[in-house]
Amino acid sequence: MSKNLFGKTRQLENPYAIYSSLTLPDWEWRVLRTYQTPDKEKDNHYARWFCAVKSNFTYGDFEYGDVYCRDILIDGGASLKSACDEWKAIYPH
């Protein structure tokens, strides 16, 4: 059993990763925590991350909550803006 390297919640200013949408203007996801290891996320259609999200609907502020990781990586068409080295080594950019 591998350890979840991203299981401890981080602060808004120090996220594990920051993604921005290629198709939705002004959308940004800051990944503050994951609940599963990346290998288990691949088999779980409902795998989620705890994120701070900013969009044109949040009036420039961040809203916190769980987001399906597929909504960021696949459905959201997001690109990786920045991340810690461990994140870059595991997740595709």
C-alpha atoms as a PDB file:
ATOM      1  CA  MET A   1       0.000   0.000   0.000  1.00  0.00           C
ATOM      2  CA  SER A   2       1.514   3.317  -1.039  1.00  0.00           C
ATOM      3  CA  LYS A   3       1.233   6.477   1.010  1.00  0.00           C
ATOM      4  CA  ASN A   4      -0.846   9.416  -0.173  1.00  0.00           C
ATOM      5  CA  LEU A   5       1.750  12.174  -0.575  1.00  0.00           C
ATOM      6  CA  PHE A   6      -0.968  14.801  -0.964  1.00  0.00           C
ATOM      7  CA  GLY A   7      -3.248  13.809   1.927  1.00  0.00           C
ATOM      8  CA  LYS A   8      -2.381  16.679   4.253  1.00  0.00           C
ATOM      9  CA  THR A   9      -4.382  19.857   3.628  1.00  0.00           C
ATOM     10  CA  ARG A  10      -2.322  22.834   2.515  1.00  0.00           C
ATOM     11  CA  GLN A  11      -3.075  26.552   2.706  1.00  0.00           C
ATOM     12  CA  LEU A  12      -4.391  28.565  -0.246  1.00  0.00           C
ATOM     13  CA  GLU A  13      -1.008  30.252  -0.759  1.00  0.00           C
ATOM     14  CA  ASN A  14       0.864  26.919  -0.899  1.00  0.00           C
ATOM     15  CA  PRO A  15      -1.227  24.422  -2.922  1.00  0.00           C
ATOM     16  CA  TYR A  16       0.061  21.151  -4.295  1.00  0.00           C
ATOM     17  CA  ALA A  17      -0.945  22.294  -7.790  1.00  0.00           C
ATOM     18  CA  ILE A  18      -2.659  25.130  -9.632  1.00  0.00           C
ATOM     19  CA  TYR A  19      -4.692  24.446 -12.764  1.00  0.00           C
ATOM     20  CA  SER A  20      -6.335  26.949 -15.091  1.00  0.00           C
ATOM     21  CA  SER A  21      -9.002  26.254 -17.670  1.00  0.00           C
ATOM     22  CA  LEU A  22      -8.224  26.414 -21.355  1.00  0.00           C
ATOM     23  CA  THR A  23     -11.906  26.731 -22.276  1.00  0.00           C
ATOM     24  CA  LEU A  24     -13.495  28.631 -19.366  1.00  0.00           C
ATOM     25  CA  PRO A  25     -12.076  32.109 -18.826  1.00  0.00           C
ATOM     26  CA  ASP A  26     -10.992  33.074 -15.323  1.00  0.00           C
ATOM     27  CA  TRP A  27     -11.295  29.561 -13.825  1.00  0.00           C
ATOM     28  CA  GLU A  28      -8.556  28.426 -11.457  1.00  0.00           C
ATOM     29  CA  TRP A  29      -8.343  25.335  -9.246  1.00  0.00           C
ATOM     30  CA  ARG A  30      -5.847  25.157  -6.390  1.00  0.00           C
ATOM     31  CA  VAL A  31      -5.454  21.590  -5.177  1.00  0.00           C
ATOM     32  CA  LEU A  32      -5.122  21.649  -1.401  1.00  0.00           C
ATOM     33  CA  ARG A  33      -5.576  17.935  -0.688  1.00  0.00           C
ATOM     34  CA  THR A  34      -6.275  14.591  -2.369  1.00  0.00           C
ATOM     35  CA  TYR A  35      -8.189  11.776  -0.716  1.00  0.00           C
ATOM     36  CA  GLN A  36      -6.649   8.815  -2.543  1.00  0.00           C
ATOM     37  CA  THR A  37      -3.337   7.844  -4.044  1.00  0.00           C
ATOM     38  CA  PRO A  38      -3.042   8.537  -7.781  1.00  0.00           C
ATOM     39  CA  ASP A  39      -3.119   4.805  -8.664  1.00  0.00           C
ATOM     40  CA  LYS A  40      -6.462   4.399  -6.853  1.00  0.00           C
ATOM     41  CA  GLU A  41      -7.859   7.558  -8.467  1.00  0.00           C
ATOM     42  CA  LYS A  42      -7.431   5.970 -11.890  1.00  0.00           C
ATOM     43  CA  ASP A  43      -9.928   3.239 -10.979  1.00  0.00           C
ATOM     44  CA  ASN A  44     -12.387   5.551  -9.206  1.00  0.00           C
ATOM     45  CA  HIS A  45     -14.662   7.597 -11.465  1.00  0.00           C
ATOM     46  CA  TYR A  46     -15.683   9.634  -8.393  1.00  0.00           C
ATOM     47  CA  ALA A  47     -12.189  10.397  -7.059  1.00  0.00           C
ATOM     48  CA  ARG A  48     -12.106  13.885  -5.615  1.00  0.00           C
ATOM     49  CA  TRP A  49      -9.719  16.586  -4.510  1.00  0.00           C
ATOM     50  CA  PHE A  50     -10.224  19.328  -1.946  1.00  0.00           C
ATOM     51  CA  CYS A  51      -9.738  22.575  -3.863  1.00  0.00           C
ATOM     52  CA  ALA A  52     -10.013  26.314  -3.700  1.00  0.00           C
ATOM     53  CA  VAL A  53     -11.753  27.421  -6.886  1.00  0.00           C
ATOM     54  CA  LYS A  54     -11.959  30.882  -8.385  1.00  0.00           C
ATOM     55  CA  SER A  55     -14.106  31.749 -11.377  1.00  0.00           C
ATOM     56  CA  ASN A  56     -16.176  34.559 -12.814  1.00  0.00           C
ATOM     57  CA  PHE A  57     -19.016  33.234 -10.604  1.00  0.00           C
ATOM     58  CA  THR A  58     -17.079  33.746  -7.336  1.00  0.00           C
ATOM     59  CA  TYR A  59     -16.493  37.491  -7.842  1.00  0.00           C
ATOM     60  CA  GLY A  60     -12.722  37.218  -7.535  1.00  0.00           C
ATOM     61  CA  ASP A  61     -12.748  35.181  -4.328  1.00  0.00           C
ATOM     62  CA  PHE A  62     -11.970  31.510  -3.792  1.00  0.00           C
ATOM     63  CA  GLU A  63     -14.605  28.994  -2.762  1.00  0.00           C
ATOM     64  CA  TYR A  64     -13.522  25.802  -1.017  1.00  0.00           C
ATOM     65  CA  GLY A  65     -14.875  22.325  -1.586  1.00  0.00           C
ATOM     66  CA  ASP A  66     -14.442  18.913  -3.118  1.00  0.00           C
ATOM     67  CA  VAL A  67     -14.076  18.633  -6.877  1.00  0.00           C
ATOM     68  CA  TYR A  68     -14.026  15.464  -8.966  1.00  0.00           C
ATOM     69  CA  CYS A  69     -10.482  15.301 -10.280  1.00  0.00           C
ATOM     70  CA  ARG A  70     -11.792  14.244 -13.703  1.00  0.00           C
ATOM     71  CA  ASP A  71     -13.703  17.573 -13.844  1.00  0.00           C
ATOM     72  CA  ILE A  72     -10.355  19.360 -13.759  1.00  0.00           C
ATOM     73  CA  LEU A  73      -8.133  17.021 -15.745  1.00  0.00           C
ATOM     74  CA  ILE A  74     -10.567  15.798 -18.393  1.00  0.00           C
ATOM     75  CA  ASP A  75     -13.898  17.652 -18.504  1.00  0.00           C
ATOM     76  CA  GLY A  76     -12.528  21.063 -17.509  1.00  0.00           C
ATOM     77  CA  GLY A  77      -9.778  21.020 -20.100  1.00  0.00           C
ATOM     78  CA  ALA A  78      -7.386  22.501 -17.570  1.00  0.00           C
ATOM     79  CA  SER A  79      -3.673  22.962 -17.872  1.00  0.00           C
ATOM     80  CA  LEU A  80      -1.153  22.836 -15.067  1.00  0.00           C
ATOM     81  CA  LYS A  81       0.139  26.321 -14.206  1.00  0.00           C
ATOM     82  CA  SER A  82       2.387  25.353 -11.305  1.00  0.00           C
ATOM     83  CA  ALA A  83       2.927  22.498  -8.877  1.00  0.00           C
ATOM     84  CA  CYS A  84       5.310  21.071  -6.330  1.00  0.00           C
ATOM     85  CA  ASP A  85       7.947  18.689  -7.669  1.00  0.00           C
ATOM     86  CA  GLU A  86       6.193  15.592  -6.260  1.00  0.00           C
ATOM     87  CA  TRP A  87       2.975  16.527  -8.100  1.00  0.00           C
ATOM     88  CA  LYS A  88       4.787  17.077 -11.391  1.00  0.00           C
ATOM     89  CA  ALA A  89       6.410  13.651 -11.093  1.00  0.00           C
ATOM     90  CA  ILE A  90       3.078  11.835 -10.647  1.00  0.00           C
ATOM     91  CA  TYR A  91       0.355  13.747 -12.522  1.00  0.00           C
ATOM     92  CA  PRO A  92       0.373  14.538 -16.241  1.00  0.00           C
ATOM     93  CA  HIS A  93       0.776  18.162 -17.245  1.00  0.00           C
END
